[in-house]
């Protein structure tokens, strides 16, 4: 689901660039793809710096914006000149506060999702551990005899072997019963966490809004084009 959402956000960003800045869309495809790959890794738990990933994205975008929108009458930049422009991006700040805002919005919206995914992995470990518990010989014999109880076979109109079944279950699963209180609290915590994954912290809402922030950042660069040319 996360991977699908990230790819959808990437496609939205490509589409907006293509519609608004047609000449920019093709060359910007690689930086956009790299940025959203980093976003996907971050949401899934990678410890990479989202601030650095966002800044790298805008650093790579700046030479493309510069030659197509700031100085469109110039010939295409040579690789050394383009690298010089890219290296100057952080000092010039052509996109305003967009790099920091982008990283902040995604990071804040990703936090509940990252914790939620980590919790799900923990739940899987607990289930796998309890699902493969080794039973004693007496318990296996008791469970075998219990399986012949009509009620246990789904014949619910039959009178269940209540006393026997309860004794077997209590005796054989006593150690697992200690997990129950903690498991219920774990599930309640997951439910509480899931409520935080909506509204301002809705990851889907934030990711599908990235294209708007990128479009506005490029528009900001256009507005200060004379200042950038002088610098």
Protein backbone atom coordinates (compact mmCIF):
# COMPACT_ATOMS: atom_id res chain seq x y z
CA UNK A 1 0.00 0.00 0.00
CA UNK A 2 2.79 2.41 0.90
CA UNK A 3 4.70 1.60 -2.28
CA UNK A 4 1.59 2.13 -4.40
CA UNK A 5 0.92 5.46 -2.69
CA UNK A 6 4.49 6.68 -3.27
CA UNK A 7 4.34 5.73 -6.97
CA UNK A 8 0.99 7.52 -7.29
CA UNK A 9 2.47 10.68 -5.73
CA UNK A 10 5.46 10.44 -8.09
CA UNK A 11 3.15 10.18 -11.11
CA UNK A 12 1.14 13.19 -9.89
CA UNK A 13 4.33 15.24 -9.65
CA UNK A 14 5.40 14.23 -13.17
CA UNK A 15 1.96 15.11 -14.52
CA UNK A 16 1.93 18.57 -12.91
CA UNK A 17 5.42 19.40 -14.19
CA UNK A 18 4.43 18.21 -17.66
CA UNK A 19 1.28 20.33 -17.62
CA UNK A 20 2.83 23.48 -16.12
CA UNK A 21 6.47 23.36 -17.25
CA UNK A 22 6.53 21.08 -20.27
CA UNK A 23 10.25 21.57 -21.07
CA UNK A 24 11.16 20.79 -17.49
CA UNK A 25 9.25 17.52 -17.05
CA UNK A 26 11.50 15.19 -19.08
CA UNK A 27 14.88 16.15 -17.56
CA UNK A 28 13.31 16.34 -14.08
CA UNK A 29 12.00 12.76 -14.24
CA UNK A 30 15.22 11.24 -12.80
CA UNK A 31 15.49 13.59 -9.76
CA UNK A 32 11.77 13.17 -9.07
CA UNK A 33 12.08 9.38 -9.23
CA UNK A 34 15.11 9.34 -6.93
CA UNK A 35 13.37 11.55 -4.39
CA UNK A 36 10.26 9.39 -4.21
CA UNK A 37 12.40 6.26 -3.92
CA UNK A 38 14.00 7.83 -0.84
CA UNK A 39 10.54 8.76 0.49
CA UNK A 40 9.34 5.17 0.11
CA UNK A 41 12.40 3.82 1.95
CA UNK A 42 11.92 6.38 4.73
CA UNK A 43 8.25 5.57 5.26
CA UNK A 44 9.07 1.86 5.41
CA UNK A 45 11.59 2.42 8.18
CA UNK A 46 14.94 3.40 6.62
CA UNK A 47 17.08 5.72 8.76
CA UNK A 48 18.08 7.94 5.81
CA UNK A 49 17.82 11.74 6.26
CA UNK A 50 14.68 13.02 4.59
CA UNK A 51 15.96 16.60 4.92
CA UNK A 52 19.06 15.68 2.92
CA UNK A 53 16.99 13.76 0.34
CA UNK A 54 14.71 16.78 -0.14
CA UNK A 55 17.65 19.15 -0.49
CA UNK A 56 19.36 16.82 -3.01
CA UNK A 57 16.17 16.78 -5.05
CA UNK A 58 15.99 20.57 -5.23
CA UNK A 59 19.74 20.81 -5.85
CA UNK A 60 19.32 18.56 -8.90
CA UNK A 61 16.24 20.49 -10.02
CA UNK A 62 17.88 23.92 -9.88
CA UNK A 63 20.15 23.68 -12.97
CA UNK A 64 17.14 22.49 -15.02
CA UNK A 65 14.97 25.34 -13.76
CA UNK A 66 17.81 27.82 -14.26
CA UNK A 67 18.47 27.03 -17.91
CA UNK A 68 14.81 26.68 -18.89
CA UNK A 69 13.03 29.30 -16.79
CA UNK A 70 15.54 31.73 -15.29
CA UNK A 71 17.81 32.12 -18.36
CA UNK A 72 15.82 30.53 -21.21
CA UNK A 73 17.75 32.48 -23.88
CA UNK A 74 21.01 30.81 -22.97
CA UNK A 75 22.17 27.67 -24.71
CA UNK A 76 22.01 24.46 -22.71
CA UNK A 77 24.43 24.48 -19.79
CA UNK A 78 27.62 22.49 -20.13
CA UNK A 79 28.05 19.75 -17.51
CA UNK A 80 30.69 21.75 -15.53
CA UNK A 81 28.49 24.88 -15.56
CA UNK A 82 25.40 22.87 -14.56
CA UNK A 83 27.36 21.35 -11.66
CA UNK A 84 28.44 24.85 -10.60
CA UNK A 85 24.80 26.00 -10.60
CA UNK A 86 23.75 22.89 -8.67
CA UNK A 87 26.46 23.48 -6.04
CA UNK A 88 25.28 27.08 -5.59
CA UNK A 89 21.68 26.08 -4.87
CA UNK A 90 21.93 25.90 -1.08
CA UNK A 91 23.62 29.31 -0.84
CA UNK A 92 21.18 31.01 -3.23
CA UNK A 93 18.01 29.45 -1.80
CA UNK A 94 16.09 29.75 -5.11
CA UNK A 95 13.18 27.64 -3.87
CA UNK A 96 12.65 29.55 -0.63
CA UNK A 97 11.75 27.31 2.29
CA UNK A 98 10.32 24.56 0.08
CA UNK A 99 13.05 21.93 0.73
CA UNK A 100 12.62 22.18 4.50
CA UNK A 101 8.81 22.27 4.33
CA UNK A 102 8.68 19.23 2.06
CA UNK A 103 10.89 17.16 4.36
CA UNK A 104 9.02 18.34 7.46
CA UNK A 105 5.55 17.56 6.09
CA UNK A 106 6.49 14.06 4.93
CA UNK A 107 8.49 13.26 8.06
CA UNK A 108 5.65 14.32 10.39
CA UNK A 109 3.05 12.37 8.40
CA UNK A 110 5.31 9.31 8.17
CA UNK A 111 6.01 8.95 11.88
CA UNK A 112 2.72 7.23 12.86
CA UNK A 113 2.98 4.98 9.80
CA UNK A 114 6.58 3.99 10.62
CA UNK A 115 5.61 3.13 14.21
CA UNK A 116 2.50 1.30 12.97
CA UNK A 117 4.55 -0.86 10.58
CA UNK A 118 7.10 -1.65 13.30
CA UNK A 119 4.24 -2.65 15.61
CA UNK A 120 2.78 -4.95 12.95
CA UNK A 121 6.14 -6.69 12.60
CA UNK A 122 6.23 -7.16 16.37
CA UNK A 123 2.70 -8.61 16.27
CA UNK A 124 3.75 -11.07 13.58
CA UNK A 125 6.66 -12.23 15.74
CA UNK A 126 4.34 -12.76 18.73
CA UNK A 127 1.85 -14.71 16.61
CA UNK A 128 4.56 -16.87 15.07
CA UNK A 129 6.06 -17.59 18.48
CA UNK A 130 2.77 -18.55 20.14
CA UNK A 131 1.54 -20.43 17.07
CA UNK A 132 4.46 -22.85 17.21
CA UNK A 133 4.50 -23.55 20.92
CA UNK A 134 5.60 -27.06 21.84
CA UNK A 135 2.97 -29.00 23.80
CA UNK A 136 3.69 -31.80 26.23
CA UNK A 137 2.73 -35.40 25.45
CA UNK A 138 -0.14 -35.19 27.93
CA UNK A 139 -1.49 -32.06 26.26
CA UNK A 140 -1.30 -33.59 22.80
CA UNK A 141 -3.26 -36.63 24.04
CA UNK A 142 -5.79 -34.36 25.74
CA UNK A 143 -6.27 -32.24 22.63
CA UNK A 144 -6.66 -35.38 20.52
CA UNK A 145 -9.41 -36.70 22.79
CA UNK A 146 -11.00 -33.22 22.86
CA UNK A 147 -11.17 -33.20 19.05
CA UNK A 148 -13.72 -36.05 19.23
CA UNK A 149 -16.11 -33.86 21.21
CA UNK A 150 -19.12 -33.25 18.89
CA UNK A 151 -19.25 -29.58 19.81
CA UNK A 152 -15.59 -29.12 18.88
CA UNK A 153 -16.37 -30.59 15.45
CA UNK A 154 -18.99 -27.93 14.80
CA UNK A 155 -22.05 -29.97 15.84
CA UNK A 156 -23.25 -27.10 17.98
CA UNK A 157 -26.63 -28.66 18.79
CA UNK A 158 -24.82 -31.40 20.69
CA UNK A 159 -24.11 -30.90 24.34
CA UNK A 160 -20.45 -29.81 24.64
CA UNK A 161 -17.99 -31.65 26.82
CA UNK A 162 -17.61 -28.38 28.71
CA UNK A 163 -15.72 -29.52 31.77
CA UNK A 164 -13.24 -31.67 29.90
CA UNK A 165 -12.59 -29.06 27.18
CA UNK A 166 -12.00 -26.27 29.69
CA UNK A 167 -9.66 -28.39 31.76
CA UNK A 168 -7.57 -29.32 28.72
CA UNK A 169 -7.39 -25.75 27.42
CA UNK A 170 -6.61 -24.27 30.83
CA UNK A 171 -3.93 -26.83 31.52
CA UNK A 172 -2.24 -26.75 28.11
CA UNK A 173 -2.51 -23.03 27.35
CA UNK A 174 -1.90 -21.66 30.84
CA UNK A 175 1.47 -20.21 29.83
CA UNK A 176 -0.07 -18.47 26.82
CA UNK A 177 -2.86 -16.99 28.94
CA UNK A 178 -0.28 -14.64 30.46
CA UNK A 179 0.14 -13.02 27.04
CA UNK A 180 -3.54 -12.14 26.78
CA UNK A 181 -3.56 -8.92 28.86
CA UNK A 182 -0.49 -7.56 27.08
CA UNK A 183 -1.84 -8.57 23.66
CA UNK A 184 -5.12 -6.77 24.27
CA UNK A 185 -3.24 -3.63 25.31
CA UNK A 186 -1.07 -3.94 22.20
CA UNK A 187 -4.18 -4.09 19.97
CA UNK A 188 -5.72 -1.09 21.77
CA UNK A 189 -2.50 0.86 21.22
CA UNK A 190 -2.57 0.02 17.50
CA UNK A 191 -6.15 1.25 17.28
CA UNK A 192 -5.19 4.52 18.99
CA UNK A 193 -2.19 4.94 16.70
CA UNK A 194 -4.30 4.36 13.61
CA UNK A 195 -6.48 7.35 14.52
CA UNK A 196 -3.40 9.58 14.28
CA UNK A 197 -2.87 8.55 10.66
CA UNK A 198 -5.62 10.90 9.46
CA UNK A 199 -6.17 14.63 9.00
CA UNK A 200 -2.99 16.73 9.04
CA UNK A 201 -0.95 13.56 9.52
CA UNK A 202 -2.63 11.59 6.76
CA UNK A 203 0.31 10.25 4.75
CA UNK A 204 -1.80 9.88 1.61
CA UNK A 205 -2.95 13.50 1.81
CA UNK A 206 0.59 14.77 2.34
CA UNK A 207 2.21 12.69 -0.41
CA UNK A 208 -0.45 13.53 -2.97
CA UNK A 209 0.14 17.19 -2.14
CA UNK A 210 3.87 17.09 -2.96
CA UNK A 211 3.25 18.10 -6.57
CA UNK A 212 1.67 21.37 -5.42
CA UNK A 213 4.64 22.24 -3.23
CA UNK A 214 7.10 21.49 -6.07
CA UNK A 215 5.06 23.57 -8.52
CA UNK A 216 4.96 26.50 -6.09
CA UNK A 217 8.70 26.20 -5.44
CA UNK A 218 9.46 26.43 -9.18
CA UNK A 219 7.07 29.39 -9.50
CA UNK A 220 8.96 31.11 -6.66
CA UNK A 221 12.20 30.66 -8.61
CA UNK A 222 10.58 32.28 -11.66
CA UNK A 223 9.47 35.27 -9.59
CA UNK A 224 13.01 35.97 -8.33
CA UNK A 225 14.66 35.16 -11.69
CA UNK A 226 16.27 38.64 -12.12
CA UNK A 227 17.81 38.40 -8.65
CA UNK A 228 19.13 34.90 -9.39
CA UNK A 229 20.59 36.01 -12.72
CA UNK A 230 22.48 38.83 -10.96
CA UNK A 231 23.78 36.52 -8.27
